[in-house]
N, C-alpha and C. Protein backbone atom coordinates (compact mmCIF):
# COMPACT_ATOMS: atom_id res chain seq x y z
N UNK A 1 107.03 24.80 68.92
CA UNK A 1 105.58 24.87 68.63
C UNK A 1 104.84 24.94 69.93
N UNK A 2 103.84 25.83 69.95
CA UNK A 2 103.06 26.08 71.19
C UNK A 2 101.82 25.24 71.29
N UNK A 3 101.78 24.14 70.64
CA UNK A 3 100.64 23.22 70.77
C UNK A 3 101.13 21.93 71.40
N UNK A 4 100.24 21.24 72.06
CA UNK A 4 100.60 20.03 72.75
C UNK A 4 99.74 18.89 72.27
N UNK A 5 100.36 17.70 72.15
CA UNK A 5 99.62 16.51 71.86
C UNK A 5 98.94 16.05 73.17
N UNK A 6 97.64 16.03 73.15
CA UNK A 6 96.88 15.73 74.36
C UNK A 6 96.68 14.24 74.53
N UNK A 7 96.18 13.65 73.51
CA UNK A 7 96.07 12.18 73.37
C UNK A 7 96.64 11.88 71.99
N UNK A 8 97.00 10.66 71.69
CA UNK A 8 97.61 10.36 70.39
C UNK A 8 96.74 10.89 69.23
N UNK A 9 97.33 11.77 68.48
CA UNK A 9 96.65 12.32 67.28
C UNK A 9 95.80 13.54 67.50
N UNK A 10 95.73 14.02 68.76
CA UNK A 10 94.88 15.17 69.07
C UNK A 10 95.74 16.25 69.75
N UNK A 11 95.83 17.41 69.10
CA UNK A 11 96.62 18.51 69.59
C UNK A 11 95.69 19.66 69.99
N UNK A 12 96.13 20.43 70.98
CA UNK A 12 95.44 21.66 71.43
C UNK A 12 96.45 22.78 71.48
N UNK A 13 96.05 23.94 70.96
CA UNK A 13 96.95 25.06 70.99
C UNK A 13 96.27 26.36 70.64
N UNK A 14 97.02 27.44 70.61
CA UNK A 14 96.49 28.73 70.22
C UNK A 14 96.46 28.88 68.71
N UNK A 15 95.89 29.95 68.23
CA UNK A 15 95.83 30.20 66.80
C UNK A 15 97.23 30.28 66.20
N UNK A 16 98.17 30.78 66.97
CA UNK A 16 99.55 30.90 66.45
C UNK A 16 100.14 29.56 65.98
N UNK A 17 99.57 28.47 66.47
CA UNK A 17 100.04 27.14 66.04
C UNK A 17 99.52 26.76 64.68
N UNK A 18 98.52 27.54 64.17
CA UNK A 18 97.90 27.23 62.89
C UNK A 18 98.14 28.33 61.86
N UNK A 19 99.03 29.27 62.17
CA UNK A 19 99.30 30.37 61.25
C UNK A 19 100.04 29.92 60.02
N UNK A 20 100.03 30.78 58.98
CA UNK A 20 100.69 30.42 57.71
C UNK A 20 102.15 30.04 57.89
N UNK A 21 102.82 30.64 58.79
CA UNK A 21 104.25 30.35 59.01
C UNK A 21 104.49 28.99 59.63
N UNK A 22 103.41 28.34 60.10
CA UNK A 22 103.51 27.03 60.78
C UNK A 22 103.18 25.81 59.87
N UNK A 23 102.95 26.06 58.60
CA UNK A 23 102.54 25.00 57.71
C UNK A 23 103.50 23.82 57.76
N UNK A 24 104.79 24.06 57.67
CA UNK A 24 105.75 22.97 57.70
C UNK A 24 105.70 22.17 59.00
N UNK A 25 105.45 22.83 60.09
CA UNK A 25 105.38 22.16 61.41
C UNK A 25 104.12 21.26 61.46
N UNK A 26 103.00 21.84 60.99
CA UNK A 26 101.74 21.08 61.00
C UNK A 26 101.91 19.84 60.13
N UNK A 27 102.47 19.99 58.96
CA UNK A 27 102.64 18.86 58.06
C UNK A 27 103.63 17.82 58.63
N UNK A 28 104.70 18.31 59.26
CA UNK A 28 105.67 17.37 59.85
C UNK A 28 105.09 16.57 60.99
N UNK A 29 104.11 17.09 61.66
CA UNK A 29 103.44 16.41 62.77
C UNK A 29 102.31 15.50 62.27
N UNK A 30 101.98 15.60 60.99
CA UNK A 30 100.96 14.75 60.42
C UNK A 30 99.53 15.26 60.59
N UNK A 31 99.37 16.58 60.89
CA UNK A 31 98.04 17.12 61.08
C UNK A 31 97.31 17.10 59.74
N UNK A 32 96.08 16.62 59.76
CA UNK A 32 95.27 16.56 58.56
C UNK A 32 93.92 17.31 58.73
N UNK A 33 93.53 17.50 60.00
CA UNK A 33 92.24 18.14 60.32
C UNK A 33 92.47 19.24 61.35
N UNK A 34 91.68 20.33 61.21
CA UNK A 34 91.81 21.44 62.15
C UNK A 34 90.44 21.91 62.58
N UNK A 35 90.27 22.01 63.90
CA UNK A 35 89.06 22.63 64.47
C UNK A 35 89.42 24.05 64.82
N UNK A 36 88.82 24.98 64.12
CA UNK A 36 89.11 26.41 64.29
C UNK A 36 87.95 27.04 65.07
N UNK A 37 88.21 27.47 66.29
CA UNK A 37 87.17 28.04 67.17
C UNK A 37 87.40 29.54 67.25
N UNK A 38 86.35 30.25 66.95
CA UNK A 38 86.43 31.73 66.97
C UNK A 38 85.05 32.30 67.12
N UNK A 39 84.97 33.59 67.35
CA UNK A 39 83.67 34.27 67.30
C UNK A 39 83.70 35.25 66.13
N UNK A 40 82.53 35.77 65.82
CA UNK A 40 82.41 36.60 64.64
C UNK A 40 83.48 37.70 64.56
N UNK A 41 83.73 38.37 65.64
CA UNK A 41 84.68 39.52 65.61
C UNK A 41 86.13 39.08 65.40
N UNK A 42 86.42 37.77 65.55
CA UNK A 42 87.75 37.25 65.33
C UNK A 42 87.95 36.66 63.91
N UNK A 43 86.89 36.60 63.16
CA UNK A 43 86.91 35.89 61.86
C UNK A 43 87.94 36.43 60.90
N UNK A 44 88.30 37.65 61.01
CA UNK A 44 89.28 38.24 60.07
C UNK A 44 90.71 37.77 60.34
N UNK A 45 90.98 37.37 61.59
CA UNK A 45 92.36 36.96 61.87
C UNK A 45 92.46 35.54 62.38
N UNK A 46 91.41 34.96 62.96
CA UNK A 46 91.41 33.54 63.35
C UNK A 46 90.60 32.83 62.29
N UNK A 47 91.30 32.19 61.35
CA UNK A 47 90.62 31.64 60.18
C UNK A 47 91.38 30.45 59.63
N UNK A 48 90.72 29.67 58.79
CA UNK A 48 91.40 28.54 58.13
C UNK A 48 92.43 29.10 57.15
N UNK A 49 93.67 28.79 57.39
CA UNK A 49 94.74 29.29 56.51
C UNK A 49 95.09 28.33 55.36
N UNK A 50 94.72 27.06 55.48
CA UNK A 50 95.12 26.09 54.48
C UNK A 50 93.96 25.20 54.06
N UNK A 51 92.86 25.76 53.58
CA UNK A 51 91.73 24.90 53.26
C UNK A 51 92.02 23.88 52.14
N UNK A 52 93.05 24.15 51.37
CA UNK A 52 93.43 23.19 50.31
C UNK A 52 94.26 22.04 50.84
N UNK A 53 94.81 22.16 52.05
CA UNK A 53 95.67 21.11 52.63
C UNK A 53 95.06 20.35 53.78
N UNK A 54 94.18 21.02 54.55
CA UNK A 54 93.60 20.40 55.73
C UNK A 54 92.09 20.45 55.68
N UNK A 55 91.44 19.52 56.34
CA UNK A 55 90.01 19.57 56.47
C UNK A 55 89.71 20.39 57.72
N UNK A 56 88.77 21.33 57.60
CA UNK A 56 88.48 22.27 58.70
C UNK A 56 87.07 22.06 59.22
N UNK A 57 86.95 22.26 60.51
CA UNK A 57 85.66 22.44 61.18
C UNK A 57 85.76 23.80 61.84
N UNK A 58 84.99 24.77 61.34
CA UNK A 58 85.04 26.13 61.87
C UNK A 58 83.82 26.33 62.75
N UNK A 59 84.03 26.65 64.01
CA UNK A 59 82.94 26.84 64.97
C UNK A 59 82.96 28.27 65.48
N UNK A 60 81.83 28.94 65.29
CA UNK A 60 81.69 30.31 65.75
C UNK A 60 81.12 30.29 67.19
N UNK A 61 82.05 30.43 68.13
CA UNK A 61 81.67 30.36 69.57
C UNK A 61 82.27 31.53 70.31
N UNK A 62 81.45 32.29 71.00
CA UNK A 62 81.94 33.39 71.81
C UNK A 62 82.49 32.86 73.13
N UNK A 63 83.57 33.49 73.62
CA UNK A 63 84.10 33.09 74.89
C UNK A 63 83.32 33.83 76.00
N UNK A 64 82.08 33.41 76.17
CA UNK A 64 81.20 34.02 77.13
C UNK A 64 80.53 32.92 77.98
N UNK A 65 80.38 33.21 79.28
CA UNK A 65 79.71 32.20 80.13
C UNK A 65 78.30 31.89 79.68
N UNK A 66 77.69 32.76 78.89
CA UNK A 66 76.32 32.56 78.43
C UNK A 66 76.24 31.80 77.10
N UNK A 67 77.39 31.55 76.48
CA UNK A 67 77.43 30.84 75.19
C UNK A 67 77.05 29.37 75.38
N UNK A 68 76.24 28.86 74.48
CA UNK A 68 75.83 27.45 74.52
C UNK A 68 76.88 26.62 73.76
N UNK A 69 77.90 26.18 74.49
CA UNK A 69 78.98 25.43 73.84
C UNK A 69 78.66 23.90 73.82
N UNK A 70 77.78 23.47 74.67
CA UNK A 70 77.48 22.04 74.82
C UNK A 70 76.97 21.49 73.46
N UNK A 71 76.32 22.30 72.67
CA UNK A 71 75.78 21.82 71.38
C UNK A 71 76.90 21.48 70.39
N UNK A 72 78.11 21.96 70.65
CA UNK A 72 79.23 21.67 69.72
C UNK A 72 80.02 20.44 70.15
N UNK A 73 79.78 19.88 71.30
CA UNK A 73 80.56 18.73 71.76
C UNK A 73 80.40 17.52 70.83
N UNK A 74 79.20 17.11 70.46
CA UNK A 74 79.07 15.93 69.59
C UNK A 74 79.68 16.13 68.20
N UNK A 75 79.50 17.28 67.60
CA UNK A 75 80.04 17.52 66.25
C UNK A 75 81.56 17.53 66.29
N UNK A 76 82.12 18.08 67.35
CA UNK A 76 83.58 18.09 67.49
C UNK A 76 84.13 16.69 67.67
N UNK A 77 83.45 15.91 68.52
CA UNK A 77 83.89 14.52 68.75
C UNK A 77 83.84 13.72 67.45
N UNK A 78 82.73 13.86 66.70
CA UNK A 78 82.60 13.15 65.42
C UNK A 78 83.73 13.55 64.46
N UNK A 79 84.01 14.82 64.41
CA UNK A 79 85.05 15.31 63.50
C UNK A 79 86.41 14.73 63.87
N UNK A 80 86.74 14.74 65.14
CA UNK A 80 88.04 14.19 65.60
C UNK A 80 88.07 12.69 65.40
N UNK A 81 86.99 12.00 65.74
CA UNK A 81 86.95 10.53 65.57
C UNK A 81 87.13 10.16 64.11
N UNK A 82 86.46 10.91 63.20
CA UNK A 82 86.58 10.63 61.77
C UNK A 82 88.02 10.83 61.33
N UNK A 83 88.67 11.87 61.83
CA UNK A 83 90.07 12.16 61.54
C UNK A 83 90.96 11.00 61.96
N UNK A 84 90.82 10.56 63.19
CA UNK A 84 91.66 9.49 63.74
C UNK A 84 91.41 8.16 63.03
N UNK A 85 90.16 7.88 62.74
CA UNK A 85 89.83 6.62 62.03
C UNK A 85 90.43 6.61 60.62
N UNK A 86 90.63 7.79 60.03
CA UNK A 86 91.22 7.84 58.70
C UNK A 86 92.75 7.88 58.79
N UNK A 87 93.28 7.77 60.00
CA UNK A 87 94.75 7.77 60.18
C UNK A 87 95.37 9.15 60.25
N UNK A 88 94.51 10.18 60.44
CA UNK A 88 95.03 11.56 60.51
C UNK A 88 95.27 12.02 61.94
N UNK A 89 95.58 13.27 62.05
CA UNK A 89 95.78 13.94 63.34
C UNK A 89 95.04 15.27 63.29
N UNK A 90 94.55 15.72 64.47
CA UNK A 90 93.72 16.90 64.52
C UNK A 90 94.34 17.93 65.46
N UNK A 91 94.29 19.19 65.04
CA UNK A 91 94.66 20.31 65.86
C UNK A 91 93.38 21.08 66.19
N UNK A 92 93.14 21.31 67.51
CA UNK A 92 92.01 22.09 67.93
C UNK A 92 92.58 23.37 68.49
N UNK A 93 92.12 24.51 67.93
CA UNK A 93 92.64 25.79 68.42
C UNK A 93 91.55 26.82 68.45
N UNK A 94 91.71 27.77 69.37
CA UNK A 94 90.92 28.98 69.41
C UNK A 94 91.88 30.11 69.18
N UNK A 95 91.60 31.24 69.79
CA UNK A 95 92.56 32.35 69.68
C UNK A 95 93.76 32.09 70.59
N UNK A 96 93.46 31.74 71.84
CA UNK A 96 94.56 31.49 72.78
C UNK A 96 94.69 30.00 73.17
N UNK A 97 93.72 29.19 72.83
CA UNK A 97 93.80 27.76 73.21
C UNK A 97 93.61 27.55 74.68
N UNK A 98 92.80 28.37 75.33
CA UNK A 98 92.69 28.32 76.81
C UNK A 98 91.28 28.00 77.27
N UNK A 99 90.26 28.60 76.65
CA UNK A 99 88.89 28.46 77.15
C UNK A 99 88.00 27.64 76.22
N UNK A 100 87.65 28.21 75.08
CA UNK A 100 86.71 27.52 74.15
C UNK A 100 87.27 26.20 73.63
N UNK A 101 88.43 26.25 73.03
CA UNK A 101 89.00 25.02 72.45
C UNK A 101 89.34 24.04 73.59
N UNK A 102 89.75 24.50 74.74
CA UNK A 102 90.03 23.63 75.85
C UNK A 102 88.75 22.92 76.32
N UNK A 103 87.63 23.66 76.35
CA UNK A 103 86.36 23.04 76.78
C UNK A 103 85.98 21.94 75.78
N UNK A 104 86.17 22.17 74.49
CA UNK A 104 85.86 21.13 73.49
C UNK A 104 86.70 19.90 73.69
N UNK A 105 87.99 20.11 74.01
CA UNK A 105 88.90 18.98 74.20
C UNK A 105 88.59 18.25 75.50
N UNK A 106 88.19 18.96 76.55
CA UNK A 106 87.80 18.30 77.80
C UNK A 106 86.58 17.43 77.51
N UNK A 107 85.61 17.95 76.78
CA UNK A 107 84.38 17.12 76.45
C UNK A 107 84.78 15.90 75.64
N UNK A 108 85.72 16.09 74.71
CA UNK A 108 86.16 14.95 73.89
C UNK A 108 86.81 13.88 74.76
N UNK A 109 87.68 14.28 75.67
CA UNK A 109 88.36 13.34 76.57
C UNK A 109 87.35 12.64 77.48
N UNK A 110 86.41 13.43 78.02
CA UNK A 110 85.38 12.83 78.87
C UNK A 110 84.65 11.70 78.17
N UNK A 111 84.15 11.99 77.02
CA UNK A 111 83.31 11.00 76.32
C UNK A 111 84.15 9.87 75.73
N UNK A 112 85.31 10.18 75.19
CA UNK A 112 86.13 9.13 74.58
C UNK A 112 86.64 8.13 75.61
N UNK A 113 87.03 8.61 76.77
CA UNK A 113 87.66 7.75 77.77
C UNK A 113 86.77 7.45 78.96
N UNK A 114 85.51 7.91 78.93
CA UNK A 114 84.57 7.63 80.03
C UNK A 114 84.96 8.27 81.34
N UNK A 115 85.56 9.48 81.25
CA UNK A 115 85.98 10.19 82.44
C UNK A 115 84.93 11.20 82.91
N UNK A 116 84.96 11.51 84.16
CA UNK A 116 84.12 12.60 84.69
C UNK A 116 84.83 13.91 84.37
N UNK A 117 84.05 15.00 84.50
CA UNK A 117 84.61 16.30 84.14
C UNK A 117 85.92 16.59 84.83
N UNK A 118 85.95 16.42 86.14
CA UNK A 118 87.14 16.81 86.91
C UNK A 118 88.37 15.99 86.48
N UNK A 119 88.18 14.72 86.22
CA UNK A 119 89.28 13.86 85.79
C UNK A 119 89.83 14.30 84.44
N UNK A 120 88.90 14.59 83.51
CA UNK A 120 89.31 15.01 82.16
C UNK A 120 89.98 16.37 82.21
N UNK A 121 89.47 17.27 83.04
CA UNK A 121 90.09 18.60 83.17
C UNK A 121 91.50 18.49 83.71
N UNK A 122 91.68 17.71 84.76
CA UNK A 122 93.02 17.55 85.35
C UNK A 122 93.98 16.90 84.37
N UNK A 123 93.52 15.92 83.60
CA UNK A 123 94.33 15.26 82.61
C UNK A 123 94.79 16.29 81.58
N UNK A 124 93.86 17.08 81.08
CA UNK A 124 94.22 18.07 80.08
C UNK A 124 95.16 19.13 80.68
N UNK A 125 94.89 19.54 81.88
CA UNK A 125 95.72 20.57 82.51
C UNK A 125 97.16 20.12 82.73
N UNK A 126 97.36 18.83 82.93
CA UNK A 126 98.73 18.30 83.05
C UNK A 126 99.48 18.41 81.72
N UNK A 127 98.76 18.43 80.63
CA UNK A 127 99.42 18.52 79.33
C UNK A 127 99.46 19.93 78.77
N UNK A 128 98.53 20.76 79.16
CA UNK A 128 98.51 22.17 78.79
C UNK A 128 98.06 22.95 80.00
N UNK A 129 99.02 23.36 80.81
CA UNK A 129 98.76 23.90 82.11
C UNK A 129 97.92 25.19 82.10
N UNK A 130 97.91 25.93 80.99
CA UNK A 130 97.25 27.25 80.97
C UNK A 130 95.77 27.19 80.63
N UNK A 131 95.19 25.96 80.50
CA UNK A 131 93.75 25.97 80.16
C UNK A 131 92.91 26.57 81.27
N UNK A 132 91.83 27.22 80.87
CA UNK A 132 90.95 27.88 81.84
C UNK A 132 89.61 28.17 81.23
N UNK A 133 88.78 27.09 81.00
CA UNK A 133 87.43 27.33 80.47
C UNK A 133 86.65 28.28 81.35
N UNK A 134 85.86 29.15 80.78
CA UNK A 134 85.06 30.08 81.61
C UNK A 134 84.01 29.32 82.43
N UNK A 135 83.43 29.98 83.42
CA UNK A 135 82.52 29.33 84.38
C UNK A 135 81.32 28.72 83.68
N UNK A 136 80.80 29.37 82.65
CA UNK A 136 79.67 28.83 81.93
C UNK A 136 80.00 27.53 81.21
N UNK A 137 81.20 27.48 80.64
CA UNK A 137 81.65 26.25 79.94
C UNK A 137 81.84 25.12 80.95
N UNK A 138 82.40 25.45 82.12
CA UNK A 138 82.61 24.44 83.17
C UNK A 138 81.25 23.83 83.57
N UNK A 139 80.24 24.70 83.78
CA UNK A 139 78.91 24.20 84.15
C UNK A 139 78.35 23.27 83.06
N UNK A 140 78.55 23.67 81.81
CA UNK A 140 78.04 22.82 80.74
C UNK A 140 78.82 21.51 80.60
N UNK A 141 80.12 21.51 80.88
CA UNK A 141 80.89 20.29 80.88
C UNK A 141 80.41 19.36 81.99
N UNK A 142 80.06 19.92 83.15
CA UNK A 142 79.53 19.11 84.24
C UNK A 142 78.16 18.54 83.89
N UNK A 143 77.35 19.31 83.20
CA UNK A 143 76.03 18.82 82.73
C UNK A 143 76.23 17.71 81.70
N UNK A 144 77.22 17.88 80.86
CA UNK A 144 77.46 16.93 79.76
C UNK A 144 77.89 15.58 80.30
N UNK A 145 78.46 15.57 81.48
CA UNK A 145 78.86 14.31 82.09
C UNK A 145 77.68 13.34 82.20
N UNK A 146 76.58 13.83 82.67
CA UNK A 146 75.38 12.97 82.79
C UNK A 146 74.85 12.55 81.42
N UNK A 147 74.93 13.46 80.43
CA UNK A 147 74.41 13.18 79.12
C UNK A 147 75.23 12.06 78.44
N UNK A 148 76.54 12.21 78.43
CA UNK A 148 77.32 11.19 77.71
C UNK A 148 77.35 9.90 78.51
N UNK A 149 77.30 9.94 79.86
CA UNK A 149 77.25 8.69 80.61
C UNK A 149 75.94 7.91 80.32
N UNK A 150 74.84 8.63 80.20
CA UNK A 150 73.58 7.98 79.81
C UNK A 150 73.72 7.35 78.43
N UNK A 151 74.31 8.07 77.50
CA UNK A 151 74.53 7.56 76.15
C UNK A 151 75.40 6.30 76.15
N UNK A 152 76.43 6.33 76.95
CA UNK A 152 77.31 5.14 77.07
C UNK A 152 76.55 3.95 77.64
N UNK A 153 75.70 4.20 78.62
CA UNK A 153 74.92 3.11 79.22
C UNK A 153 73.98 2.52 78.19
N UNK A 154 73.34 3.35 77.41
CA UNK A 154 72.45 2.86 76.36
C UNK A 154 73.22 2.06 75.34
N UNK A 155 74.39 2.52 74.96
CA UNK A 155 75.24 1.79 73.98
C UNK A 155 75.65 0.44 74.56
N UNK A 156 76.01 0.37 75.82
CA UNK A 156 76.39 -0.88 76.44
C UNK A 156 75.24 -1.85 76.49
N UNK A 157 74.06 -1.37 76.83
CA UNK A 157 72.89 -2.22 76.87
C UNK A 157 72.56 -2.75 75.46
N UNK A 158 72.66 -1.89 74.48
CA UNK A 158 72.43 -2.31 73.11
C UNK A 158 73.45 -3.36 72.65
N UNK A 159 74.67 -3.15 73.06
CA UNK A 159 75.76 -4.10 72.68
C UNK A 159 75.53 -5.44 73.34
N UNK A 160 74.98 -5.48 74.51
CA UNK A 160 74.68 -6.73 75.20
C UNK A 160 73.38 -7.35 74.68
N UNK A 161 72.70 -6.63 73.79
CA UNK A 161 71.44 -7.11 73.21
C UNK A 161 70.44 -7.40 74.32
N UNK A 162 70.39 -6.52 75.30
CA UNK A 162 69.44 -6.67 76.40
C UNK A 162 68.02 -6.41 75.89
N UNK A 163 67.07 -7.09 76.48
CA UNK A 163 65.66 -6.82 76.09
C UNK A 163 65.31 -5.41 76.48
N UNK A 164 64.46 -4.80 75.69
CA UNK A 164 64.10 -3.42 75.93
C UNK A 164 62.80 -3.28 76.72
N UNK A 165 61.96 -4.31 76.69
CA UNK A 165 60.70 -4.25 77.43
C UNK A 165 60.57 -5.46 78.34
N UNK A 166 59.92 -5.32 79.45
CA UNK A 166 59.73 -6.46 80.34
C UNK A 166 59.01 -7.62 79.69
N UNK A 167 58.03 -7.32 78.80
CA UNK A 167 57.26 -8.41 78.18
C UNK A 167 58.13 -9.29 77.31
N UNK A 168 59.21 -8.77 76.77
CA UNK A 168 60.03 -9.56 75.87
C UNK A 168 60.89 -10.59 76.61
N UNK A 169 60.95 -10.54 77.92
CA UNK A 169 61.76 -11.50 78.65
C UNK A 169 61.02 -12.79 78.92
N UNK A 170 59.72 -12.74 79.05
CA UNK A 170 58.95 -13.93 79.34
C UNK A 170 58.95 -14.24 80.82
N UNK A 171 60.03 -13.97 81.53
CA UNK A 171 60.07 -14.35 82.96
C UNK A 171 59.60 -13.18 83.85
N UNK A 172 59.68 -11.99 83.39
CA UNK A 172 59.31 -10.85 84.20
C UNK A 172 57.78 -10.67 84.16
N UNK A 173 57.25 -10.71 82.95
CA UNK A 173 55.81 -10.56 82.80
C UNK A 173 55.36 -11.46 81.67
N UNK A 174 54.14 -11.98 81.84
CA UNK A 174 53.61 -12.79 80.77
C UNK A 174 52.17 -12.35 80.51
N UNK A 175 51.71 -12.65 79.35
CA UNK A 175 50.34 -12.29 79.01
C UNK A 175 49.38 -13.08 79.86
N UNK A 176 48.37 -12.36 80.34
CA UNK A 176 47.36 -13.03 81.16
C UNK A 176 46.54 -13.98 80.30
N UNK A 177 46.20 -15.10 80.93
CA UNK A 177 45.35 -16.06 80.23
C UNK A 177 43.95 -16.03 80.82
N UNK A 178 43.06 -16.71 80.18
CA UNK A 178 41.70 -16.78 80.68
C UNK A 178 41.61 -17.47 82.04
N UNK A 179 42.50 -18.46 82.21
CA UNK A 179 42.57 -19.15 83.50
C UNK A 179 42.96 -18.21 84.62
N UNK A 180 43.85 -17.25 84.32
CA UNK A 180 44.25 -16.27 85.34
C UNK A 180 43.06 -15.47 85.81
N UNK A 181 42.18 -15.11 84.89
CA UNK A 181 40.98 -14.37 85.26
C UNK A 181 40.13 -15.19 86.19
N UNK A 182 40.01 -16.48 85.95
CA UNK A 182 39.21 -17.35 86.84
C UNK A 182 39.80 -17.38 88.23
N UNK A 183 41.15 -17.45 88.33
CA UNK A 183 41.82 -17.47 89.61
C UNK A 183 41.53 -16.20 90.37
N UNK A 184 41.56 -15.06 89.70
CA UNK A 184 41.30 -13.78 90.35
C UNK A 184 39.88 -13.76 90.87
N UNK A 185 38.93 -14.24 90.11
CA UNK A 185 37.54 -14.27 90.56
C UNK A 185 37.37 -15.14 91.81
N UNK A 186 38.09 -16.30 91.82
CA UNK A 186 37.98 -17.18 92.96
C UNK A 186 38.54 -16.49 94.22
N UNK A 187 39.62 -15.77 94.10
CA UNK A 187 40.21 -15.06 95.24
C UNK A 187 39.26 -13.99 95.73
N UNK A 188 38.65 -13.29 94.80
CA UNK A 188 37.71 -12.24 95.16
C UNK A 188 36.48 -12.80 95.90
N UNK A 189 36.00 -13.92 95.42
CA UNK A 189 34.85 -14.56 96.11
C UNK A 189 35.22 -14.99 97.53
N UNK A 190 36.43 -15.53 97.68
CA UNK A 190 36.87 -15.94 98.99
C UNK A 190 36.93 -14.78 99.94
N UNK A 191 37.37 -13.63 99.46
CA UNK A 191 37.49 -12.45 100.31
C UNK A 191 36.11 -11.96 100.69
N UNK A 192 35.15 -12.01 99.80
CA UNK A 192 33.79 -11.54 100.08
C UNK A 192 33.13 -12.42 101.13
N UNK A 193 33.41 -13.72 101.06
CA UNK A 193 32.76 -14.63 101.96
C UNK A 193 33.22 -14.46 103.40
N UNK A 194 34.33 -13.84 103.60
CA UNK A 194 34.89 -13.71 104.97
C UNK A 194 34.27 -12.61 105.71
């Protein structure tokens, strides 16, 4: 089989790994979900072959540096996470399993394991040496690094139940009292007298 298990339960490969002749292999590996990445002109031959057996996420993405792939990162992560939480396994494939599907898996690895783009890319490349996301996808993966890191920071702060505004701490800022206004007036008068 020409697909590789990248992290437990997540496989990456070419369309040939999801062809009708591979049903027994997919089932023997426990695959329950498939992310099928293609563009419109590939829809006749890169398609869901087993909609009655597997849950599919079909993404129409052109392998072009101008394609906006970053918008598919969250939906792909949610699909894979749902699969794994249900005890399933997911195969992510494009036509060749090199650029589009590889970019989606790099983004998944980045966000799931808190890795930077370069670390996630090298990790994936060690498991599937032929990956080669196009330059536009690489730029978007690098941009996504800041996006998901900010999201992780917000989640951590929320988990720690940190105050969201300075006023809610009581020690950083407090509501001014009428006595405070009197103190300010006294200081102002002292300055004028000098």
